Each structure stands twice: as structure tokens, then as C-alpha cells.
Amino acid sequence: MRKKIGGRGQGCAGHAGRELGGPDSEMFWDFGAGLKLHENSQWANEPCHVNCDCGRFLEIGNNVFMEYVKRAGKIEKMATHNVDFGGGLERMAAATINDPDAFKIDLFWPIIEKIEQLSKKKYGKDRKTTTAMRVIADHARSVTFLIGDGVVPSNKDRGYFCRRLIRRAVVKAQELGIGDNFLAGIAGKISDIYGGVCPLPVQTINRSWKRKKQNSG
């Protein structure tokens, strides 16, 4: 439950038949009133708060102070305590550029620009176009790394999830009027972004993209 910036709530994590948990403190980045995010949103006539969907407040992290364990319905005090931190790197990056849209950070924006080029449409023009471009960018990046790690699109296990991600990206591309084999080009762009720290076998990835397209009737 999120109450306020720096507020306390309750958090838990499941682990091998038990649940660990305790009070939590959630951290929000306030983009400030100057951007008028709330005033220009569909919630402009309602009070703005940290849980508002207008975009002014962005949760960038969460600390759970692990104090309790739940076993078979019984809550017990843990012998030792710790702090479990969870944070969104891309959300933190969005805060550094003072924009709540994480798809405008350096790790995503070149991919979005490539999709704009292929579709001849503008990101942010309307909700449907923007959502489609976000799905393509997110799924293309995920699948590029999956294939780079040796996962082959198939109908079972990891390959099945890889295949489903590709298929959804293709569906969204069709909504934008993008033609065949577009994902191979996007994989190259992703390799350009991450190649310095995580070299990707682009030729192998491109062959997998094209093979999946040929078999996705």
C-alpha cells in the first residue's frame, strides 16, 4: 500500500512455502508542478496525489524491512532482519531526464526512432500508436537478448515465451503498417545500444527473426 513519499506500508515475498515480509517504504520521484502533467491529463479535475496516474509522481524504488516470516498460516518474528530493495533502473533514468516516459531514455529512444522510421508514424501522436511502439520496443529488446542467450522460438518452455513475444510485436507492427522482417533491423539497433557492454550475435538473431516470421502463419 502506497501512502506518501517515504511512507510505510507492508510488503512480502514468497519463498519455498513461506512468505517473508515487513514494513516497507516506497520512494517516488516528483516531477514537480512546472511540467503541468496533472493539469494536462484526463485527471485534471481531480486532486493530484502520489498514486495519481497523471505522471507527476513516479515510483522509483521500494525498501521492505524484512522482519517476519509466515509458515503454514502462522506469522513469526525472524531471527535476523534485512532490507530488501527493489528499484527500477529505467524509471530512475527517466527521472534524470525529467520525463516520466521511460521510453524516452537512451536505452529505448533509438529503438522508438527506428520504429517511427519504419512505420512513418510519430510516437506520442495518439495512444494507440504510442502503445504499439512501446510494445514493439519492449518485446523486441527482450527477444533479442533471449535469442542472444541461445533461446530458439518454439512451442515449449522458454522458446514458447520467446515466440509469443515475437508474435505480439508482429501484431502491433501490423497495426502500424510495418512490413515483413522488420524485427531483424530493430535487433541491429538494439545491438548498437548494448554492444559495448553486452555483445550480441546479430547474425544469429536476424536468422531467428526471419525464421520465426516464415513460420508464423
C-alpha atoms as a PDB file:
ATOM      1  CA  MET A   1       0.000   0.000   0.000  1.00  0.00           C
ATOM      2  CA  ARG A   2       1.440   3.351  -1.007  1.00  0.00           C
ATOM      3  CA  LYS A   3       0.624   6.210   1.342  1.00  0.00           C
ATOM      4  CA  LYS A   4       3.079   9.030   0.676  1.00  0.00           C
ATOM      5  CA  ILE A   5       6.646   9.755  -0.321  1.00  0.00           C
ATOM      6  CA  GLY A   6       8.780   7.936   2.200  1.00  0.00           C
ATOM      7  CA  GLY A   7       5.642   6.398   3.709  1.00  0.00           C
ATOM      8  CA  ARG A   8       5.410   2.999   5.329  1.00  0.00           C
ATOM      9  CA  GLY A   9       3.286   0.100   4.224  1.00  0.00           C
ATOM     10  CA  GLN A  10       3.539  -3.680   4.172  1.00  0.00           C
ATOM     11  CA  GLY A  11       5.464  -5.858   1.763  1.00  0.00           C
ATOM     12  CA  CYS A  12       6.116  -9.565   1.396  1.00  0.00           C
ATOM     13  CA  ALA A  13       7.926 -12.048  -0.812  1.00  0.00           C
ATOM     14  CA  GLY A  14       7.131 -15.728  -1.331  1.00  0.00           C
ATOM     15  CA  HIS A  15       9.906 -18.297  -0.915  1.00  0.00           C
ATOM     16  CA  ALA A  16       9.693 -22.108  -0.808  1.00  0.00           C
ATOM     17  CA  GLY A  17       6.384 -22.432   1.007  1.00  0.00           C
ATOM     18  CA  ARG A  18       6.852 -19.409   3.206  1.00  0.00           C
ATOM     19  CA  GLU A  19       6.376 -15.666   2.970  1.00  0.00           C
ATOM     20  CA  LEU A  20       8.875 -13.112   4.195  1.00  0.00           C
ATOM     21  CA  GLY A  21       7.764  -9.570   4.882  1.00  0.00           C
ATOM     22  CA  GLY A  22       7.576  -6.481   6.979  1.00  0.00           C
ATOM     23  CA  PRO A  23       7.039  -2.711   6.804  1.00  0.00           C
ATOM     24  CA  ASP A  24       8.017  -1.046   3.559  1.00  0.00           C
ATOM     25  CA  SER A  25       8.977   2.422   2.413  1.00  0.00           C
ATOM     26  CA  GLU A  26       8.189   3.404  -1.162  1.00  0.00           C
ATOM     27  CA  MET A  27      10.122   6.140  -2.941  1.00  0.00           C
ATOM     28  CA  PHE A  28       8.535   8.414  -5.507  1.00  0.00           C
ATOM     29  CA  TRP A  29      10.089  10.968  -7.824  1.00  0.00           C
ATOM     30  CA  ASP A  30       8.107  14.184  -8.053  1.00  0.00           C
ATOM     31  CA  PHE A  31       8.463  15.808 -11.485  1.00  0.00           C
ATOM     32  CA  GLY A  32       7.029  18.990  -9.996  1.00  0.00           C
ATOM     33  CA  ALA A  33       4.194  21.296 -10.864  1.00  0.00           C
ATOM     34  CA  GLY A  34       6.150  23.094 -13.575  1.00  0.00           C
ATOM     35  CA  LEU A  35       5.576  20.399 -16.218  1.00  0.00           C
ATOM     36  CA  LYS A  36       1.808  20.663 -15.658  1.00  0.00           C
ATOM     37  CA  LEU A  37       1.471  16.897 -16.091  1.00  0.00           C
ATOM     38  CA  HIS A  38      -1.634  16.761 -13.933  1.00  0.00           C
ATOM     39  CA  GLU A  39      -3.277  19.812 -15.487  1.00  0.00           C
ATOM     40  CA  ASN A  40      -2.839  18.346 -18.981  1.00  0.00           C
ATOM     41  CA  SER A  41      -4.066  14.867 -18.059  1.00  0.00           C
ATOM     42  CA  GLN A  42      -7.525  13.329 -18.063  1.00  0.00           C
ATOM     43  CA  TRP A  43      -7.480  13.557 -14.251  1.00  0.00           C
ATOM     44  CA  ALA A  44      -7.097  17.347 -14.230  1.00  0.00           C
ATOM     45  CA  ASN A  45     -10.428  17.834 -12.419  1.00  0.00           C
ATOM     46  CA  GLU A  46      -9.401  15.523  -9.571  1.00  0.00           C
ATOM     47  CA  PRO A  47      -6.891  16.122  -6.743  1.00  0.00           C
ATOM     48  CA  CYS A  48      -3.337  15.036  -7.555  1.00  0.00           C
ATOM     49  CA  HIS A  49      -1.569  12.595  -5.210  1.00  0.00           C
ATOM     50  CA  VAL A  50       1.285  10.079  -5.323  1.00  0.00           C
ATOM     51  CA  ASN A  51      -0.992   7.334  -6.660  1.00  0.00           C
ATOM     52  CA  CYS A  52      -2.396   9.586  -9.387  1.00  0.00           C
ATOM     53  CA  ASP A  53      -1.969   8.282 -12.937  1.00  0.00           C
ATOM     54  CA  CYS A  54      -1.219  11.711 -14.359  1.00  0.00           C
ATOM     55  CA  GLY A  55       2.522  11.008 -14.355  1.00  0.00           C
ATOM     56  CA  ARG A  56       3.712  13.663 -11.914  1.00  0.00           C
ATOM     57  CA  PHE A  57       4.744  11.083  -9.302  1.00  0.00           C
ATOM     58  CA  LEU A  58       6.791   8.049 -10.373  1.00  0.00           C
ATOM     59  CA  GLU A  59       7.669   5.217  -8.013  1.00  0.00           C
ATOM     60  CA  ILE A  60      11.382   4.532  -8.484  1.00  0.00           C
ATOM     61  CA  GLY A  61      12.111   2.207  -5.573  1.00  0.00           C
ATOM     62  CA  ASN A  62      10.850   0.254  -2.597  1.00  0.00           C
ATOM     63  CA  ASN A  63      12.506  -0.889   0.623  1.00  0.00           C
ATOM     64  CA  VAL A  64      10.974  -3.826   2.502  1.00  0.00           C
ATOM     65  CA  PHE A  65      12.288  -4.194   6.039  1.00  0.00           C
ATOM     66  CA  MET A  66      12.218  -7.970   6.440  1.00  0.00           C
ATOM     67  CA  GLU A  67      11.121  -8.792   9.994  1.00  0.00           C
ATOM     68  CA  TYR A  68       8.538 -11.585   9.761  1.00  0.00           C
ATOM     69  CA  VAL A  69       8.100 -15.000   8.202  1.00  0.00           C
ATOM     70  CA  LYS A  70       4.778 -16.707   7.570  1.00  0.00           C
ATOM     71  CA  ARG A  71       4.725 -20.521   7.656  1.00  0.00           C
ATOM     72  CA  ALA A  72       1.555 -22.593   7.444  1.00  0.00           C
ATOM     73  CA  GLY A  73      -0.574 -19.568   8.240  1.00  0.00           C
ATOM     74  CA  LYS A  74       1.443 -18.556  11.310  1.00  0.00           C
ATOM     75  CA  ILE A  75       3.448 -15.315  11.426  1.00  0.00           C
ATOM     76  CA  GLU A  76       6.710 -15.426  13.355  1.00  0.00           C
ATOM     77  CA  LYS A  77       9.461 -12.915  14.099  1.00  0.00           C
ATOM     78  CA  MET A  78      12.619 -13.604  12.082  1.00  0.00           C
ATOM     79  CA  ALA A  79      15.825 -14.314  13.971  1.00  0.00           C
ATOM     80  CA  THR A  80      17.769 -11.935  11.718  1.00  0.00           C
ATOM     81  CA  HIS A  81      16.493  -8.945   9.757  1.00  0.00           C
ATOM     82  CA  ASN A  82      17.474  -7.421   6.445  1.00  0.00           C
ATOM     83  CA  VAL A  83      16.366  -4.802   3.943  1.00  0.00           C
ATOM     84  CA  ASP A  84      15.101  -5.942   0.547  1.00  0.00           C
ATOM     85  CA  PHE A  85      15.435  -3.152  -2.025  1.00  0.00           C
ATOM     86  CA  GLY A  86      13.685  -3.164  -5.360  1.00  0.00           C
ATOM     87  CA  GLY A  87      14.206  -0.353  -7.838  1.00  0.00           C
ATOM     88  CA  GLY A  88      13.520   0.409 -11.471  1.00  0.00           C
ATOM     89  CA  LEU A  89      16.702   1.411 -13.315  1.00  0.00           C
ATOM     90  CA  GLU A  90      14.755   2.711 -16.314  1.00  0.00           C
ATOM     91  CA  ARG A  91      12.447   4.723 -14.063  1.00  0.00           C
ATOM     92  CA  MET A  92      15.450   6.258 -12.327  1.00  0.00           C
ATOM     93  CA  ALA A  93      16.876   7.114 -15.738  1.00  0.00           C
ATOM     94  CA  ALA A  94      13.564   8.768 -16.669  1.00  0.00           C
ATOM     95  CA  ALA A  95      13.826  10.890 -13.534  1.00  0.00           C
ATOM     96  CA  THR A  96      17.287  12.080 -14.581  1.00  0.00           C
ATOM     97  CA  ILE A  97      15.907  13.423 -17.883  1.00  0.00           C
ATOM     98  CA  ASN A  98      12.902  14.957 -16.111  1.00  0.00           C
ATOM     99  CA  ASP A  99      10.380  12.998 -18.170  1.00  0.00           C
ATOM    100  CA  PRO A 100       8.013  10.350 -16.747  1.00  0.00           C
ATOM    101  CA  ASP A 101       8.087   8.421 -20.042  1.00  0.00           C
ATOM    102  CA  ALA A 102      10.746   5.715 -19.590  1.00  0.00           C
ATOM    103  CA  PHE A 103      10.682   5.014 -23.335  1.00  0.00           C
ATOM    104  CA  LYS A 104      12.476   8.322 -23.923  1.00  0.00           C
ATOM    105  CA  ILE A 105      15.649   7.257 -22.129  1.00  0.00           C
ATOM    106  CA  ASP A 106      18.786   6.360 -24.102  1.00  0.00           C
ATOM    107  CA  LEU A 107      18.156   2.616 -23.870  1.00  0.00           C
ATOM    108  CA  PHE A 108      14.765   2.858 -25.586  1.00  0.00           C
ATOM    109  CA  TRP A 109      14.589   6.047 -27.636  1.00  0.00           C
ATOM    110  CA  PRO A 110      16.805   4.888 -30.567  1.00  0.00           C
ATOM    111  CA  ILE A 111      14.532   1.837 -30.880  1.00  0.00           C
ATOM    112  CA  ILE A 112      11.444   4.061 -30.889  1.00  0.00           C
ATOM    113  CA  GLU A 113      13.047   6.256 -33.574  1.00  0.00           C
ATOM    114  CA  LYS A 114      13.685   3.156 -35.691  1.00  0.00           C
ATOM    115  CA  ILE A 115      10.041   2.150 -35.333  1.00  0.00           C
ATOM    116  CA  GLU A 116       8.974   5.681 -36.308  1.00  0.00           C
ATOM    117  CA  GLN A 117      11.145   5.395 -39.407  1.00  0.00           C
ATOM    118  CA  LEU A 118       9.676   2.019 -40.368  1.00  0.00           C
ATOM    119  CA  SER A 119       6.056   2.990 -39.690  1.00  0.00           C
ATOM    120  CA  LYS A 120       6.244   6.609 -40.864  1.00  0.00           C
ATOM    121  CA  LYS A 121       4.234   7.452 -37.756  1.00  0.00           C
ATOM    122  CA  LYS A 122       5.048   9.713 -34.826  1.00  0.00           C
ATOM    123  CA  TYR A 123       5.474   8.472 -31.281  1.00  0.00           C
ATOM    124  CA  GLY A 124       3.098  10.305 -28.943  1.00  0.00           C
ATOM    125  CA  LYS A 125       0.650  11.243 -31.685  1.00  0.00           C
ATOM    126  CA  ASP A 126      -2.131   9.153 -30.147  1.00  0.00           C
ATOM    127  CA  ARG A 127      -2.498   6.474 -27.507  1.00  0.00           C
ATOM    128  CA  LYS A 128      -2.872   3.534 -29.918  1.00  0.00           C
ATOM    129  CA  THR A 129       0.264   4.422 -31.877  1.00  0.00           C
ATOM    130  CA  THR A 130       2.279   5.102 -28.741  1.00  0.00           C
ATOM    131  CA  THR A 131       1.202   1.839 -27.089  1.00  0.00           C
ATOM    132  CA  ALA A 132       2.038  -0.176 -30.204  1.00  0.00           C
ATOM    133  CA  MET A 133       5.513   1.346 -30.431  1.00  0.00           C
ATOM    134  CA  ARG A 134       6.161   0.696 -26.745  1.00  0.00           C
ATOM    135  CA  VAL A 135       5.138  -2.953 -27.076  1.00  0.00           C
ATOM    136  CA  ILE A 136       7.352  -3.450 -30.122  1.00  0.00           C
ATOM    137  CA  ALA A 137      10.354  -1.789 -28.463  1.00  0.00           C
ATOM    138  CA  ASP A 138       9.957  -3.699 -25.198  1.00  0.00           C
ATOM    139  CA  HIS A 139       9.295  -7.101 -26.772  1.00  0.00           C
ATOM    140  CA  ALA A 140      11.982  -6.705 -29.442  1.00  0.00           C
ATOM    141  CA  ARG A 141      14.596  -5.933 -26.807  1.00  0.00           C
ATOM    142  CA  SER A 142      13.518  -8.875 -24.632  1.00  0.00           C
ATOM    143  CA  VAL A 143      13.559 -11.341 -27.511  1.00  0.00           C
ATOM    144  CA  THR A 144      16.873 -10.044 -28.852  1.00  0.00           C
ATOM    145  CA  PHE A 145      18.513 -10.915 -25.544  1.00  0.00           C
ATOM    146  CA  LEU A 146      16.687 -14.249 -25.323  1.00  0.00           C
ATOM    147  CA  ILE A 147      17.882 -15.298 -28.756  1.00  0.00           C
ATOM    148  CA  GLY A 148      21.328 -13.915 -27.982  1.00  0.00           C
ATOM    149  CA  ASP A 149      21.401 -16.276 -24.990  1.00  0.00           C
ATOM    150  CA  GLY A 150      20.544 -19.240 -27.197  1.00  0.00           C
ATOM    151  CA  VAL A 151      16.757 -19.419 -26.791  1.00  0.00           C
ATOM    152  CA  VAL A 152      15.117 -20.532 -30.024  1.00  0.00           C
ATOM    153  CA  PRO A 153      11.453 -19.606 -30.714  1.00  0.00           C
ATOM    154  CA  SER A 154       9.432 -22.817 -30.360  1.00  0.00           C
ATOM    155  CA  ASN A 155       6.210 -24.215 -28.924  1.00  0.00           C
ATOM    156  CA  LYS A 156       7.509 -25.181 -25.473  1.00  0.00           C
ATOM    157  CA  ASP A 157       9.365 -23.854 -22.433  1.00  0.00           C
ATOM    158  CA  ARG A 158      11.473 -20.717 -22.930  1.00  0.00           C
ATOM    159  CA  GLY A 159      11.069 -20.933 -26.667  1.00  0.00           C
ATOM    160  CA  TYR A 160       7.301 -20.639 -26.316  1.00  0.00           C
ATOM    161  CA  PHE A 161       7.558 -17.355 -24.382  1.00  0.00           C
ATOM    162  CA  CYS A 162      10.042 -16.089 -26.938  1.00  0.00           C
ATOM    163  CA  ARG A 163       7.638 -16.989 -29.734  1.00  0.00           C
ATOM    164  CA  ARG A 164       4.709 -15.279 -28.019  1.00  0.00           C
ATOM    165  CA  LEU A 165       6.704 -12.078 -27.546  1.00  0.00           C
ATOM    166  CA  ILE A 166       7.619 -12.074 -31.237  1.00  0.00           C
ATOM    167  CA  ARG A 167       4.044 -12.714 -32.276  1.00  0.00           C
ATOM    168  CA  ARG A 168       2.687  -9.827 -30.195  1.00  0.00           C
ATOM    169  CA  ALA A 169       5.353  -7.500 -31.567  1.00  0.00           C
ATOM    170  CA  VAL A 170       4.359  -8.538 -35.098  1.00  0.00           C
ATOM    171  CA  VAL A 171       0.669  -7.891 -34.367  1.00  0.00           C
ATOM    172  CA  LYS A 172       1.468  -4.390 -33.094  1.00  0.00           C
ATOM    173  CA  ALA A 173       3.670  -3.753 -36.114  1.00  0.00           C
ATOM    174  CA  GLN A 174       0.817  -4.705 -38.423  1.00  0.00           C
ATOM    175  CA  GLU A 175      -1.343  -2.132 -36.621  1.00  0.00           C
ATOM    176  CA  LEU A 176       1.262   0.470 -37.574  1.00  0.00           C
ATOM    177  CA  GLY A 177       1.507  -0.730 -41.173  1.00  0.00           C
ATOM    178  CA  ILE A 178       5.060  -2.054 -40.819  1.00  0.00           C
ATOM    179  CA  GLY A 179       6.034  -4.749 -43.331  1.00  0.00           C
ATOM    180  CA  ASP A 180       7.789  -8.103 -43.064  1.00  0.00           C
ATOM    181  CA  ASN A 181      11.107  -8.860 -41.353  1.00  0.00           C
ATOM    182  CA  PHE A 182      11.218  -5.516 -39.549  1.00  0.00           C
ATOM    183  CA  LEU A 183      12.420  -7.119 -36.325  1.00  0.00           C
ATOM    184  CA  ALA A 184      15.795  -8.001 -37.820  1.00  0.00           C
ATOM    185  CA  GLY A 185      16.524  -4.312 -38.354  1.00  0.00           C
ATOM    186  CA  ILE A 186      15.429  -3.446 -34.836  1.00  0.00           C
ATOM    187  CA  ALA A 187      17.701  -6.179 -33.455  1.00  0.00           C
ATOM    188  CA  GLY A 188      20.607  -4.413 -35.121  1.00  0.00           C
ATOM    189  CA  LYS A 189      19.651  -1.154 -33.418  1.00  0.00           C
ATOM    190  CA  ILE A 190      19.442  -2.924 -30.052  1.00  0.00           C
ATOM    191  CA  SER A 191      22.897  -4.390 -30.653  1.00  0.00           C
ATOM    192  CA  ASP A 192      24.212  -0.880 -31.352  1.00  0.00           C
ATOM    193  CA  ILE A 193      22.840   0.306 -27.992  1.00  0.00           C
ATOM    194  CA  TYR A 194      24.082  -2.579 -25.852  1.00  0.00           C
ATOM    195  CA  GLY A 195      27.018  -3.902 -27.876  1.00  0.00           C
ATOM    196  CA  GLY A 196      29.630  -2.023 -25.869  1.00  0.00           C
ATOM    197  CA  VAL A 197      28.730  -3.818 -22.640  1.00  0.00           C
ATOM    198  CA  CYS A 198      26.939  -6.924 -23.907  1.00  0.00           C
ATOM    199  CA  PRO A 199      27.940  -8.040 -27.421  1.00  0.00           C
ATOM    200  CA  LEU A 200      25.049  -9.722 -29.219  1.00  0.00           C
ATOM    201  CA  PRO A 201      25.341 -12.252 -32.089  1.00  0.00           C
ATOM    202  CA  VAL A 202      23.374 -10.120 -34.553  1.00  0.00           C
ATOM    203  CA  GLN A 203      23.587 -12.535 -37.486  1.00  0.00           C
ATOM    204  CA  THR A 204      22.178 -15.398 -35.383  1.00  0.00           C
ATOM    205  CA  ILE A 205      19.444 -13.120 -34.056  1.00  0.00           C
ATOM    206  CA  ASN A 206      18.499 -11.952 -37.546  1.00  0.00           C
ATOM    207  CA  ARG A 207      18.236 -15.525 -38.807  1.00  0.00           C
ATOM    208  CA  SER A 208      15.948 -16.416 -35.886  1.00  0.00           C
ATOM    209  CA  TRP A 209      13.735 -13.352 -36.503  1.00  0.00           C
ATOM    210  CA  LYS A 210      13.355 -14.232 -40.170  1.00  0.00           C
ATOM    211  CA  ARG A 211      12.785 -17.943 -39.500  1.00  0.00           C
ATOM    212  CA  LYS A 212      10.061 -17.147 -36.978  1.00  0.00           C
ATOM    213  CA  LYS A 213       8.385 -14.798 -39.457  1.00  0.00           C
ATOM    214  CA  GLN A 214       8.390 -17.506 -42.134  1.00  0.00           C
ATOM    215  CA  ASN A 215       6.837 -19.998 -39.706  1.00  0.00           C
ATOM    216  CA  SER A 216       4.234 -17.700 -38.153  1.00  0.00           C
ATOM    217  CA  GLY A 217       1.342 -18.331 -40.456  1.00  0.00           C
END
